[in-house]
Amino acid sequence: MKTLKYAVRFLTRSQSYTIINLLGLAFSLVCCIILLRYIHRELTVDTHCIDREQVYGVKLDMDGNNYLGSIINNSDTAIIDQRYINRYSRIIPLEKDYVSIGTNRYQARILVTDSVFFQLFRYPLVQGNILLRSPQSALIMETFARKVFGKENPVGKVIRYSNGMDVTIEGVLGNPGNKTFMQFDIVLSAALSDNWERADMELYSFMPGTDIEKLNKANCIPRHVSSPETGDTRMYRFSFVPVKQFYWDNSITNEGTQMFFTGTYSHLAIMAGLCLLILFTGILNFINIYLVAMLRRGKEYGLKKVFGARKKSCSPRYGLKVRC
């Protein structure tokens, strides 16, 4: 109790030391909290997926080029027993596309998919519905809706896609609370067109107990893209990669893309080390300033004791209280 009383007395008397100490420690703690928040956000990418360790994408290896795609040739060991598949969805990312609203044209990141996609990935529904009930149905992200329509209700609005077809907005989606591997502005139904002129990506949710390692072992065998009789000598192989690895696998994302984002574990290690360094520096600074103040006070008390200072003393002389 006396120690606490002495500490409070010291802090109140040495206000400059106290302010410097508390500000230094506070700034170091704030920096650590910000860095920890960043690290936590990186480690929780795509947690809006129903189970990011059990939902898989198809990673293709075409002559050394890796990317997310779909199974090209359903032959040989590439055939997957349908009994293993719980849910299946196909997505087509259209990065540099646009939509027209009236006489205005807006560049947009468009995702073509089906309603099963929203059974695999949870997005908060702000308005309308999320079912994509017809080929002309469309969904829009809340941030993009504010940019285009302002404060107006976008549900029921008709927009024209770049291929000249009109679609109706039936729902507004909010951003999930976590960081996502894929960003988009508008969702279109895959049934709107038979030819999107872009490669699609497949997502699989397998039944419990499915041996993914066994499937990948069979799928790693190189196979022809098409029949060798056609003269096409290209070979490919594929593997199933969980959603949890999408963000950390730089080989499956093209550089400069605006729809897909990647990260590296080395950056996280650097941030974690920097966080520990800042915290250690803040604590060391706090202790160091406190010790300097204590040594200063100790010297004063020592000099007072040498000159015989007591509780009742005369006026200070040369900064010290001496006996009368």
C-alpha atoms as a PDB file:
ATOM      1  CA  MET A   1       0.000   0.000   0.000  1.00  0.00           C
ATOM      2  CA  LYS A   2       2.851   2.352   0.852  1.00  0.00           C
ATOM      3  CA  THR A   3       4.499   1.619  -2.491  1.00  0.00           C
ATOM      4  CA  LEU A   4       1.328   2.621  -4.300  1.00  0.00           C
ATOM      5  CA  LYS A   5       1.059   5.774  -2.190  1.00  0.00           C
ATOM      6  CA  TYR A   6       4.669   6.692  -2.948  1.00  0.00           C
ATOM      7  CA  ALA A   7       4.107   6.064  -6.662  1.00  0.00           C
ATOM      8  CA  VAL A   8       1.016   8.301  -6.743  1.00  0.00           C
ATOM      9  CA  ARG A   9       2.869  11.004  -4.838  1.00  0.00           C
ATOM     10  CA  PHE A  10       5.787  10.821  -7.254  1.00  0.00           C
ATOM     11  CA  LEU A  11       3.541  10.979 -10.316  1.00  0.00           C
ATOM     12  CA  THR A  12       1.659  14.001  -9.024  1.00  0.00           C
ATOM     13  CA  ARG A  13       4.823  15.866  -8.116  1.00  0.00           C
ATOM     14  CA  SER A  14       6.733  15.090 -11.330  1.00  0.00           C
ATOM     15  CA  GLN A  15       4.018  16.020 -13.803  1.00  0.00           C
ATOM     16  CA  SER A  16       6.333  16.530 -16.790  1.00  0.00           C
ATOM     17  CA  TYR A  17       7.851  13.056 -16.371  1.00  0.00           C
ATOM     18  CA  THR A  18       4.384  11.600 -15.890  1.00  0.00           C
ATOM     19  CA  ILE A  19       2.983  13.169 -19.076  1.00  0.00           C
ATOM     20  CA  ILE A  20       5.983  12.106 -21.190  1.00  0.00           C
ATOM     21  CA  ASN A  21       5.819   8.588 -19.748  1.00  0.00           C
ATOM     22  CA  LEU A  22       2.105   8.110 -20.291  1.00  0.00           C
ATOM     23  CA  LEU A  23       2.127   9.607 -23.798  1.00  0.00           C
ATOM     24  CA  GLY A  24       5.042   7.421 -24.890  1.00  0.00           C
ATOM     25  CA  LEU A  25       3.417   4.267 -23.533  1.00  0.00           C
ATOM     26  CA  ALA A  26       0.025   5.213 -24.986  1.00  0.00           C
ATOM     27  CA  PHE A  27       1.435   5.838 -28.482  1.00  0.00           C
ATOM     28  CA  SER A  28       3.270   2.511 -28.464  1.00  0.00           C
ATOM     29  CA  LEU A  29       0.122   0.666 -27.381  1.00  0.00           C
ATOM     30  CA  VAL A  30      -1.954   2.410 -30.064  1.00  0.00           C
ATOM     31  CA  CYS A  31       0.566   1.414 -32.761  1.00  0.00           C
ATOM     32  CA  CYS A  32       0.529  -2.169 -31.494  1.00  0.00           C
ATOM     33  CA  ILE A  33      -3.272  -2.298 -31.541  1.00  0.00           C
ATOM     34  CA  ILE A  34      -3.365  -0.982 -35.130  1.00  0.00           C
ATOM     35  CA  LEU A  35      -0.803  -3.548 -36.275  1.00  0.00           C
ATOM     36  CA  LEU A  36      -2.597  -6.364 -34.459  1.00  0.00           C
ATOM     37  CA  ARG A  37      -5.853  -5.298 -36.090  1.00  0.00           C
ATOM     38  CA  TYR A  38      -4.166  -5.455 -39.500  1.00  0.00           C
ATOM     39  CA  ILE A  39      -2.712  -8.897 -38.788  1.00  0.00           C
ATOM     40  CA  HIS A  40      -6.091 -10.176 -37.574  1.00  0.00           C
ATOM     41  CA  ARG A  41      -7.790  -8.843 -40.715  1.00  0.00           C
ATOM     42  CA  GLU A  42      -5.242 -10.604 -42.924  1.00  0.00           C
ATOM     43  CA  LEU A  43      -5.676 -13.907 -41.081  1.00  0.00           C
ATOM     44  CA  THR A  44      -9.477 -13.783 -41.358  1.00  0.00           C
ATOM     45  CA  VAL A  45      -9.774 -13.221 -45.105  1.00  0.00           C
ATOM     46  CA  ASP A  46     -12.892 -14.880 -46.582  1.00  0.00           C
ATOM     47  CA  THR A  47     -14.324 -15.973 -43.245  1.00  0.00           C
ATOM     48  CA  HIS A  48     -17.727 -15.106 -44.737  1.00  0.00           C
ATOM     49  CA  CYS A  49     -17.404 -18.434 -46.569  1.00  0.00           C
ATOM     50  CA  ILE A  50     -19.525 -21.160 -44.932  1.00  0.00           C
ATOM     51  CA  ASP A  51     -16.349 -23.186 -44.398  1.00  0.00           C
ATOM     52  CA  ARG A  52     -13.274 -21.848 -46.145  1.00  0.00           C
ATOM     53  CA  GLU A  53     -11.376 -25.066 -45.463  1.00  0.00           C
ATOM     54  CA  GLN A  54     -14.016 -27.276 -47.104  1.00  0.00           C
ATOM     55  CA  VAL A  55     -14.982 -25.153 -50.128  1.00  0.00           C
ATOM     56  CA  TYR A  56     -12.542 -25.687 -52.979  1.00  0.00           C
ATOM     57  CA  GLY A  57     -11.592 -24.052 -56.232  1.00  0.00           C
ATOM     58  CA  VAL A  58      -9.869 -25.654 -59.214  1.00  0.00           C
ATOM     59  CA  LYS A  59      -6.215 -24.662 -59.643  1.00  0.00           C
ATOM     60  CA  LEU A  60      -5.055 -25.351 -63.189  1.00  0.00           C
ATOM     61  CA  ASP A  61      -1.449 -25.831 -64.233  1.00  0.00           C
ATOM     62  CA  MET A  62      -1.217 -25.195 -67.968  1.00  0.00           C
ATOM     63  CA  ASP A  63       2.366 -25.475 -69.209  1.00  0.00           C
ATOM     64  CA  GLY A  64       3.660 -23.938 -65.988  1.00  0.00           C
ATOM     65  CA  ASN A  65       1.008 -21.193 -65.795  1.00  0.00           C
ATOM     66  CA  ASN A  66      -1.178 -21.465 -62.713  1.00  0.00           C
ATOM     67  CA  TYR A  67      -4.623 -19.921 -62.383  1.00  0.00           C
ATOM     68  CA  LEU A  68      -8.065 -20.571 -60.971  1.00  0.00           C
ATOM     69  CA  GLY A  69     -10.342 -22.128 -63.558  1.00  0.00           C
ATOM     70  CA  SER A  70     -12.481 -25.139 -64.307  1.00  0.00           C
ATOM     71  CA  ILE A  71     -11.883 -28.744 -65.247  1.00  0.00           C
ATOM     72  CA  ILE A  72     -11.165 -28.621 -68.964  1.00  0.00           C
ATOM     73  CA  ASN A  73     -11.625 -32.211 -70.042  1.00  0.00           C
ATOM     74  CA  ASN A  74     -13.876 -34.522 -68.047  1.00  0.00           C
ATOM     75  CA  SER A  75     -12.054 -37.687 -68.962  1.00  0.00           C
ATOM     76  CA  ASP A  76      -9.849 -40.286 -67.330  1.00  0.00           C
ATOM     77  CA  THR A  77      -9.210 -39.504 -63.676  1.00  0.00           C
ATOM     78  CA  ALA A  78     -10.676 -36.011 -64.028  1.00  0.00           C
ATOM     79  CA  ILE A  79     -14.167 -37.428 -63.642  1.00  0.00           C
ATOM     80  CA  ILE A  80     -15.511 -36.634 -60.170  1.00  0.00           C
ATOM     81  CA  ASP A  81     -18.133 -38.865 -58.672  1.00  0.00           C
ATOM     82  CA  GLN A  82     -21.254 -36.721 -58.317  1.00  0.00           C
ATOM     83  CA  ARG A  83     -21.986 -38.369 -54.978  1.00  0.00           C
ATOM     84  CA  TYR A  84     -19.006 -36.520 -53.516  1.00  0.00           C
ATOM     85  CA  ILE A  85     -20.318 -33.067 -54.498  1.00  0.00           C
ATOM     86  CA  ASN A  86     -22.496 -31.272 -51.970  1.00  0.00           C
ATOM     87  CA  ARG A  87     -22.737 -27.887 -53.733  1.00  0.00           C
ATOM     88  CA  TYR A  88     -21.358 -26.645 -57.022  1.00  0.00           C
ATOM     89  CA  SER A  89     -21.133 -23.096 -58.343  1.00  0.00           C
ATOM     90  CA  ARG A  90     -19.578 -21.477 -61.369  1.00  0.00           C
ATOM     91  CA  ILE A  91     -18.330 -17.885 -61.413  1.00  0.00           C
ATOM     92  CA  ILE A  92     -17.054 -15.685 -64.235  1.00  0.00           C
ATOM     93  CA  PRO A  93     -15.168 -12.522 -63.221  1.00  0.00           C
ATOM     94  CA  LEU A  94     -15.494  -9.598 -65.635  1.00  0.00           C
ATOM     95  CA  GLU A  95     -13.030  -7.051 -64.348  1.00  0.00           C
ATOM     96  CA  LYS A  96     -12.945  -4.223 -66.893  1.00  0.00           C
ATOM     97  CA  ASP A  97     -16.580  -4.052 -67.906  1.00  0.00           C
ATOM     98  CA  TYR A  98     -19.280  -1.419 -67.773  1.00  0.00           C
ATOM     99  CA  VAL A  99     -23.005  -0.813 -67.419  1.00  0.00           C
ATOM    100  CA  SER A 100     -25.173   1.992 -68.774  1.00  0.00           C
ATOM    101  CA  ILE A 101     -27.817   3.819 -66.773  1.00  0.00           C
ATOM    102  CA  GLY A 102     -29.678   6.252 -68.952  1.00  0.00           C
ATOM    103  CA  THR A 103     -27.073   8.186 -70.896  1.00  0.00           C
ATOM    104  CA  ASN A 104     -24.305   7.558 -68.363  1.00  0.00           C
ATOM    105  CA  ARG A 105     -21.779   4.757 -68.553  1.00  0.00           C
ATOM    106  CA  TYR A 106     -20.106   3.383 -65.425  1.00  0.00           C
ATOM    107  CA  GLN A 107     -17.089   1.115 -65.265  1.00  0.00           C
ATOM    108  CA  ALA A 108     -17.843  -1.836 -63.007  1.00  0.00           C
ATOM    109  CA  ARG A 109     -16.377  -5.077 -61.730  1.00  0.00           C
ATOM    110  CA  ILE A 110     -18.981  -7.665 -62.623  1.00  0.00           C
ATOM    111  CA  LEU A 111     -19.381 -11.174 -61.269  1.00  0.00           C
ATOM    112  CA  VAL A 112     -21.422 -13.682 -63.235  1.00  0.00           C
ATOM    113  CA  THR A 113     -22.678 -16.554 -61.114  1.00  0.00           C
ATOM    114  CA  ASP A 114     -25.742 -18.356 -59.793  1.00  0.00           C
ATOM    115  CA  SER A 115     -27.681 -18.348 -56.534  1.00  0.00           C
ATOM    116  CA  VAL A 116     -25.615 -21.292 -55.208  1.00  0.00           C
ATOM    117  CA  PHE A 117     -22.661 -18.917 -54.864  1.00  0.00           C
ATOM    118  CA  PHE A 118     -24.511 -17.111 -52.076  1.00  0.00           C
ATOM    119  CA  GLN A 119     -25.017 -20.414 -50.313  1.00  0.00           C
ATOM    120  CA  LEU A 120     -21.239 -20.789 -50.178  1.00  0.00           C
ATOM    121  CA  PHE A 121     -20.426 -17.164 -49.349  1.00  0.00           C
ATOM    122  CA  ARG A 122     -22.538 -15.095 -46.974  1.00  0.00           C
ATOM    123  CA  TYR A 123     -23.173 -11.482 -47.933  1.00  0.00           C
ATOM    124  CA  PRO A 124     -25.468  -9.271 -45.848  1.00  0.00           C
ATOM    125  CA  LEU A 125     -28.678  -8.393 -47.695  1.00  0.00           C
ATOM    126  CA  VAL A 126     -29.494  -4.694 -47.371  1.00  0.00           C
ATOM    127  CA  GLN A 127     -32.594  -4.577 -49.584  1.00  0.00           C
ATOM    128  CA  GLY A 128     -34.588  -6.831 -51.892  1.00  0.00           C
ATOM    129  CA  ASN A 129     -33.678 -10.501 -52.366  1.00  0.00           C
ATOM    130  CA  ILE A 130     -30.573 -12.482 -53.208  1.00  0.00           C
ATOM    131  CA  LEU A 131     -32.083 -15.320 -55.267  1.00  0.00           C
ATOM    132  CA  LEU A 132     -31.318 -14.301 -58.893  1.00  0.00           C
ATOM    133  CA  ARG A 133     -34.711 -15.726 -59.813  1.00  0.00           C
ATOM    134  CA  SER A 134     -34.553 -14.933 -63.534  1.00  0.00           C
ATOM    135  CA  PRO A 135     -31.843 -14.484 -66.191  1.00  0.00           C
ATOM    136  CA  GLN A 136     -32.535 -10.718 -66.133  1.00  0.00           C
ATOM    137  CA  SER A 137     -31.985 -10.478 -62.367  1.00  0.00           C
ATOM    138  CA  ALA A 138     -29.032  -8.541 -60.990  1.00  0.00           C
ATOM    139  CA  LEU A 139     -27.586  -7.645 -57.602  1.00  0.00           C
ATOM    140  CA  ILE A 140     -25.595  -4.555 -56.734  1.00  0.00           C
ATOM    141  CA  MET A 141     -23.177  -3.768 -53.926  1.00  0.00           C
ATOM    142  CA  GLU A 142     -24.258  -1.027 -51.550  1.00  0.00           C
ATOM    143  CA  THR A 143     -21.138   1.105 -52.108  1.00  0.00           C
ATOM    144  CA  PHE A 144     -21.554   1.007 -55.895  1.00  0.00           C
ATOM    145  CA  ALA A 145     -25.290   1.736 -55.583  1.00  0.00           C
ATOM    146  CA  ARG A 146     -24.533   4.913 -53.625  1.00  0.00           C
ATOM    147  CA  LYS A 147     -22.041   5.960 -56.282  1.00  0.00           C
ATOM    148  CA  VAL A 148     -24.524   5.454 -59.106  1.00  0.00           C
ATOM    149  CA  PHE A 149     -27.964   6.164 -57.615  1.00  0.00           C
ATOM    150  CA  GLY A 150     -27.088   8.310 -54.627  1.00  0.00           C
ATOM    151  CA  LYS A 151     -29.816   8.112 -51.975  1.00  0.00           C
ATOM    152  CA  GLU A 152     -32.396   6.577 -54.341  1.00  0.00           C
ATOM    153  CA  ASN A 153     -33.608   3.027 -53.800  1.00  0.00           C
ATOM    154  CA  PRO A 154     -31.861   0.949 -56.515  1.00  0.00           C
ATOM    155  CA  VAL A 155     -34.216  -2.066 -56.227  1.00  0.00           C
ATOM    156  CA  GLY A 156     -36.327  -2.277 -59.380  1.00  0.00           C
ATOM    157  CA  LYS A 157     -34.009  -0.039 -61.403  1.00  0.00           C
ATOM    158  CA  VAL A 158     -33.130  -1.219 -64.913  1.00  0.00           C
ATOM    159  CA  ILE A 159     -29.539  -1.059 -66.079  1.00  0.00           C
ATOM    160  CA  ARG A 160     -28.054  -2.056 -69.424  1.00  0.00           C
ATOM    161  CA  TYR A 161     -25.117  -4.408 -69.538  1.00  0.00           C
ATOM    162  CA  SER A 162     -22.314  -3.875 -72.052  1.00  0.00           C
ATOM    163  CA  ASN A 163     -23.734  -6.585 -74.365  1.00  0.00           C
ATOM    164  CA  GLY A 164     -26.905  -4.489 -74.816  1.00  0.00           C
ATOM    165  CA  MET A 165     -29.157  -6.572 -72.573  1.00  0.00           C
ATOM    166  CA  ASP A 166     -31.259  -4.952 -69.848  1.00  0.00           C
ATOM    167  CA  VAL A 167     -31.255  -6.355 -66.327  1.00  0.00           C
ATOM    168  CA  THR A 168     -33.259  -5.417 -63.254  1.00  0.00           C
ATOM    169  CA  ILE A 169     -31.702  -4.887 -59.844  1.00  0.00           C
ATOM    170  CA  GLU A 170     -33.467  -7.146 -57.353  1.00  0.00           C
ATOM    171  CA  GLY A 171     -31.203  -6.824 -54.345  1.00  0.00           C
ATOM    172  CA  VAL A 172     -28.572  -4.704 -52.647  1.00  0.00           C
ATOM    173  CA  LEU A 173     -25.664  -6.433 -50.916  1.00  0.00           C
ATOM    174  CA  GLY A 174     -23.514  -5.079 -48.120  1.00  0.00           C
ATOM    175  CA  ASN A 175     -19.839  -5.755 -47.596  1.00  0.00           C
ATOM    176  CA  PRO A 176     -19.024  -8.583 -45.176  1.00  0.00           C
ATOM    177  CA  GLY A 177     -17.301  -7.688 -41.932  1.00  0.00           C
ATOM    178  CA  ASN A 178     -14.074  -9.383 -43.003  1.00  0.00           C
ATOM    179  CA  LYS A 179     -11.632  -8.810 -45.829  1.00  0.00           C
ATOM    180  CA  THR A 180     -12.397 -10.715 -49.031  1.00  0.00           C
ATOM    181  CA  PHE A 181     -10.234 -12.263 -51.709  1.00  0.00           C
ATOM    182  CA  MET A 182     -12.620 -11.112 -54.455  1.00  0.00           C
ATOM    183  CA  GLN A 183     -14.229  -7.698 -54.911  1.00  0.00           C
ATOM    184  CA  PHE A 184     -17.119  -6.926 -57.273  1.00  0.00           C
ATOM    185  CA  ASP A 185     -19.723  -4.217 -57.896  1.00  0.00           C
ATOM    186  CA  ILE A 186     -22.536  -6.003 -59.736  1.00  0.00           C
ATOM    187  CA  VAL A 187     -23.703  -9.627 -59.854  1.00  0.00           C
ATOM    188  CA  LEU A 188     -25.346 -10.982 -63.004  1.00  0.00           C
ATOM    189  CA  SER A 189     -27.074 -14.301 -63.529  1.00  0.00           C
ATOM    190  CA  ALA A 190     -25.102 -16.890 -65.486  1.00  0.00           C
ATOM    191  CA  ALA A 191     -28.322 -17.675 -67.392  1.00  0.00           C
ATOM    192  CA  LEU A 192     -28.325 -14.222 -69.011  1.00  0.00           C
ATOM    193  CA  SER A 193     -26.001 -15.378 -71.809  1.00  0.00           C
ATOM    194  CA  ASP A 194     -24.504 -18.595 -73.154  1.00  0.00           C
ATOM    195  CA  ASN A 195     -21.255 -16.958 -74.217  1.00  0.00           C
ATOM    196  CA  TRP A 196     -19.422 -14.674 -71.814  1.00  0.00           C
ATOM    197  CA  GLU A 197     -16.110 -14.850 -73.706  1.00  0.00           C
ATOM    198  CA  ARG A 198     -14.226 -15.287 -70.446  1.00  0.00           C
ATOM    199  CA  ALA A 199     -12.895 -18.335 -68.636  1.00  0.00           C
ATOM    200  CA  ASP A 200     -15.021 -19.482 -65.737  1.00  0.00           C
ATOM    201  CA  MET A 201     -14.037 -20.718 -62.278  1.00  0.00           C
ATOM    202  CA  GLU A 202     -15.562 -23.659 -60.473  1.00  0.00           C
ATOM    203  CA  LEU A 203     -16.258 -23.898 -56.757  1.00  0.00           C
ATOM    204  CA  TYR A 204     -16.970 -27.192 -55.039  1.00  0.00           C
ATOM    205  CA  SER A 205     -18.294 -28.078 -51.622  1.00  0.00           C
ATOM    206  CA  PHE A 206     -17.716 -31.787 -51.094  1.00  0.00           C
ATOM    207  CA  MET A 207     -19.596 -34.169 -48.862  1.00  0.00           C
ATOM    208  CA  PRO A 208     -18.052 -34.914 -45.442  1.00  0.00           C
ATOM    209  CA  GLY A 209     -15.471 -37.679 -45.594  1.00  0.00           C
ATOM    210  CA  THR A 210     -14.365 -36.999 -49.178  1.00  0.00           C
ATOM    211  CA  ASP A 211     -10.660 -37.745 -49.566  1.00  0.00           C
ATOM    212  CA  ILE A 212      -9.359 -34.585 -51.245  1.00  0.00           C
ATOM    213  CA  GLU A 213      -5.758 -35.780 -51.148  1.00  0.00           C
ATOM    214  CA  LYS A 214      -6.729 -38.864 -53.111  1.00  0.00           C
ATOM    215  CA  LEU A 215      -8.521 -36.731 -55.703  1.00  0.00           C
ATOM    216  CA  ASN A 216      -5.529 -34.380 -56.030  1.00  0.00           C
ATOM    217  CA  LYS A 217      -3.158 -37.314 -56.375  1.00  0.00           C
ATOM    218  CA  ALA A 218      -5.187 -38.600 -59.312  1.00  0.00           C
ATOM    219  CA  ASN A 219      -5.631 -35.157 -60.841  1.00  0.00           C
ATOM    220  CA  CYS A 220      -1.906 -34.329 -60.844  1.00  0.00           C
ATOM    221  CA  ILE A 221      -1.396 -36.677 -63.801  1.00  0.00           C
ATOM    222  CA  PRO A 222      -0.833 -34.526 -66.948  1.00  0.00           C
ATOM    223  CA  ARG A 223      -3.557 -34.851 -69.558  1.00  0.00           C
ATOM    224  CA  HIS A 224      -4.249 -33.367 -72.989  1.00  0.00           C
ATOM    225  CA  VAL A 225      -6.416 -30.292 -73.290  1.00  0.00           C
ATOM    226  CA  SER A 226      -8.106 -31.822 -76.311  1.00  0.00           C
ATOM    227  CA  SER A 227      -7.784 -34.961 -78.367  1.00  0.00           C
ATOM    228  CA  PRO A 228      -4.197 -35.520 -79.638  1.00  0.00           C
ATOM    229  CA  GLU A 229      -5.639 -36.179 -83.120  1.00  0.00           C
ATOM    230  CA  THR A 230      -6.419 -32.469 -83.420  1.00  0.00           C
ATOM    231  CA  GLY A 231      -2.720 -31.587 -83.205  1.00  0.00           C
ATOM    232  CA  ASP A 232      -3.118 -29.782 -79.881  1.00  0.00           C
ATOM    233  CA  THR A 233      -0.145 -30.853 -77.778  1.00  0.00           C
ATOM    234  CA  ARG A 234      -0.957 -28.735 -74.730  1.00  0.00           C
ATOM    235  CA  MET A 235      -1.041 -30.575 -71.427  1.00  0.00           C
ATOM    236  CA  TYR A 236      -2.617 -29.592 -68.144  1.00  0.00           C
ATOM    237  CA  ARG A 237      -3.225 -30.865 -64.658  1.00  0.00           C
ATOM    238  CA  PHE A 238      -5.275 -29.525 -61.798  1.00  0.00           C
ATOM    239  CA  SER A 239      -5.825 -29.723 -58.063  1.00  0.00           C
ATOM    240  CA  PHE A 240      -8.449 -28.659 -55.570  1.00  0.00           C
ATOM    241  CA  VAL A 241      -7.398 -25.698 -53.431  1.00  0.00           C
ATOM    242  CA  PRO A 242      -9.440 -24.568 -50.402  1.00  0.00           C
ATOM    243  CA  VAL A 243     -10.782 -21.024 -50.286  1.00  0.00           C
ATOM    244  CA  LYS A 244      -8.531 -20.406 -47.272  1.00  0.00           C
ATOM    245  CA  GLN A 245      -5.485 -20.523 -49.577  1.00  0.00           C
ATOM    246  CA  PHE A 246      -6.819 -18.273 -52.348  1.00  0.00           C
ATOM    247  CA  TYR A 247      -5.563 -15.067 -50.757  1.00  0.00           C
ATOM    248  CA  TRP A 248      -2.104 -16.458 -49.972  1.00  0.00           C
ATOM    249  CA  ASP A 249      -1.387 -18.168 -53.305  1.00  0.00           C
ATOM    250  CA  ASN A 250       0.148 -15.471 -55.525  1.00  0.00           C
ATOM    251  CA  SER A 251       0.515 -17.886 -58.431  1.00  0.00           C
ATOM    252  CA  ILE A 252      -3.230 -18.046 -59.127  1.00  0.00           C
ATOM    253  CA  THR A 253      -3.842 -14.300 -59.492  1.00  0.00           C
ATOM    254  CA  ASN A 254      -2.691 -12.034 -62.288  1.00  0.00           C
ATOM    255  CA  GLU A 255      -0.722  -8.967 -61.252  1.00  0.00           C
ATOM    256  CA  GLY A 256      -2.553  -5.666 -61.449  1.00  0.00           C
ATOM    257  CA  THR A 257      -6.022  -7.187 -61.180  1.00  0.00           C
ATOM    258  CA  GLN A 258      -8.694  -5.115 -59.472  1.00  0.00           C
ATOM    259  CA  MET A 259     -10.998  -7.979 -58.539  1.00  0.00           C
ATOM    260  CA  PHE A 260      -8.652 -10.385 -56.795  1.00  0.00           C
ATOM    261  CA  PHE A 261      -6.263  -9.580 -53.982  1.00  0.00           C
ATOM    262  CA  THR A 262      -3.354 -11.535 -52.558  1.00  0.00           C
ATOM    263  CA  GLY A 263      -1.140 -11.389 -49.496  1.00  0.00           C
ATOM    264  CA  THR A 264       2.114 -12.894 -48.261  1.00  0.00           C
ATOM    265  CA  TYR A 265       2.968 -14.439 -44.931  1.00  0.00           C
ATOM    266  CA  SER A 266       6.343 -12.660 -44.931  1.00  0.00           C
ATOM    267  CA  HIS A 267       4.534  -9.324 -44.604  1.00  0.00           C
ATOM    268  CA  LEU A 268       2.660 -10.653 -41.595  1.00  0.00           C
ATOM    269  CA  ALA A 269       5.917 -11.813 -40.008  1.00  0.00           C
ATOM    270  CA  ILE A 270       7.414  -8.344 -40.516  1.00  0.00           C
ATOM    271  CA  MET A 271       4.327  -6.680 -39.039  1.00  0.00           C
ATOM    272  CA  ALA A 272       4.344  -9.029 -36.040  1.00  0.00           C
ATOM    273  CA  GLY A 273       8.035  -8.336 -35.406  1.00  0.00           C
ATOM    274  CA  LEU A 274       7.457  -4.586 -35.739  1.00  0.00           C
ATOM    275  CA  CYS A 275       4.567  -4.808 -33.287  1.00  0.00           C
ATOM    276  CA  LEU A 276       6.715  -6.554 -30.680  1.00  0.00           C
ATOM    277  CA  LEU A 277       9.548  -4.065 -31.229  1.00  0.00           C
ATOM    278  CA  ILE A 278       7.244  -1.062 -30.724  1.00  0.00           C
ATOM    279  CA  LEU A 279       5.722  -2.601 -27.602  1.00  0.00           C
ATOM    280  CA  PHE A 280       9.156  -3.417 -26.172  1.00  0.00           C
ATOM    281  CA  THR A 281      10.407   0.100 -26.975  1.00  0.00           C
ATOM    282  CA  GLY A 282       7.390   1.693 -25.296  1.00  0.00           C
ATOM    283  CA  ILE A 283       7.787  -0.379 -22.123  1.00  0.00           C
ATOM    284  CA  LEU A 284      11.557   0.204 -22.034  1.00  0.00           C
ATOM    285  CA  ASN A 285      11.031   3.941 -22.505  1.00  0.00           C
ATOM    286  CA  PHE A 286       8.502   3.970 -19.674  1.00  0.00           C
ATOM    287  CA  ILE A 287      10.866   2.146 -17.316  1.00  0.00           C
ATOM    288  CA  ASN A 288      13.870   4.243 -18.371  1.00  0.00           C
ATOM    289  CA  ILE A 289      12.172   7.602 -17.755  1.00  0.00           C
ATOM    290  CA  TYR A 290      10.832   6.356 -14.431  1.00  0.00           C
ATOM    291  CA  LEU A 291      14.307   5.207 -13.334  1.00  0.00           C
ATOM    292  CA  VAL A 292      15.865   8.529 -14.371  1.00  0.00           C
ATOM    293  CA  ALA A 293      13.317  10.377 -12.284  1.00  0.00           C
ATOM    294  CA  MET A 294      13.871   8.054  -9.339  1.00  0.00           C
ATOM    295  CA  LEU A 295      17.667   8.520  -9.531  1.00  0.00           C
ATOM    296  CA  ARG A 296      17.215  12.267  -9.618  1.00  0.00           C
ATOM    297  CA  ARG A 297      14.991  12.185  -6.565  1.00  0.00           C
ATOM    298  CA  GLY A 298      17.417   9.796  -4.872  1.00  0.00           C
ATOM    299  CA  LYS A 299      20.305  12.234  -5.326  1.00  0.00           C
ATOM    300  CA  GLU A 300      18.236  15.049  -3.872  1.00  0.00           C
ATOM    301  CA  TYR A 301      17.310  12.987  -0.824  1.00  0.00           C
ATOM    302  CA  GLY A 302      20.952  11.924  -0.406  1.00  0.00           C
ATOM    303  CA  LEU A 303      22.197  15.495  -0.452  1.00  0.00           C
ATOM    304  CA  LYS A 304      19.506  16.547   1.996  1.00  0.00           C
ATOM    305  CA  LYS A 305      20.542  13.753   4.323  1.00  0.00           C
ATOM    306  CA  VAL A 306      24.193  14.811   4.132  1.00  0.00           C
ATOM    307  CA  PHE A 307      23.319  18.386   5.080  1.00  0.00           C
ATOM    308  CA  GLY A 308      21.028  17.158   7.850  1.00  0.00           C
ATOM    309  CA  ALA A 309      17.687  18.064   6.369  1.00  0.00           C
ATOM    310  CA  ARG A 310      14.663  17.205   8.489  1.00  0.00           C
ATOM    311  CA  LYS A 311      10.934  17.462   8.132  1.00  0.00           C
ATOM    312  CA  LYS A 312      11.031  20.916   9.785  1.00  0.00           C
ATOM    313  CA  SER A 313      13.696  22.908   8.002  1.00  0.00           C
ATOM    314  CA  CYS A 314      14.504  26.494   7.177  1.00  0.00           C
ATOM    315  CA  SER A 315      14.175  28.172   3.821  1.00  0.00           C
ATOM    316  CA  PRO A 316      16.028  26.553   0.922  1.00  0.00           C
ATOM    317  CA  ARG A 317      19.623  27.463   0.393  1.00  0.00           C
ATOM    318  CA  TYR A 318      21.232  26.621  -2.957  1.00  0.00           C
ATOM    319  CA  GLY A 319      18.175  24.463  -3.716  1.00  0.00           C
ATOM    320  CA  LEU A 320      18.513  22.395  -0.503  1.00  0.00           C
ATOM    321  CA  LYS A 321      16.786  22.488   2.840  1.00  0.00           C
ATOM    322  CA  VAL A 322      19.355  22.694   5.702  1.00  0.00           C
ATOM    323  CA  ARG A 323      19.106  22.732   9.476  1.00  0.00           C
ATOM    324  CA  CYS A 324      18.702  26.036  11.240  1.00  0.00           C
END
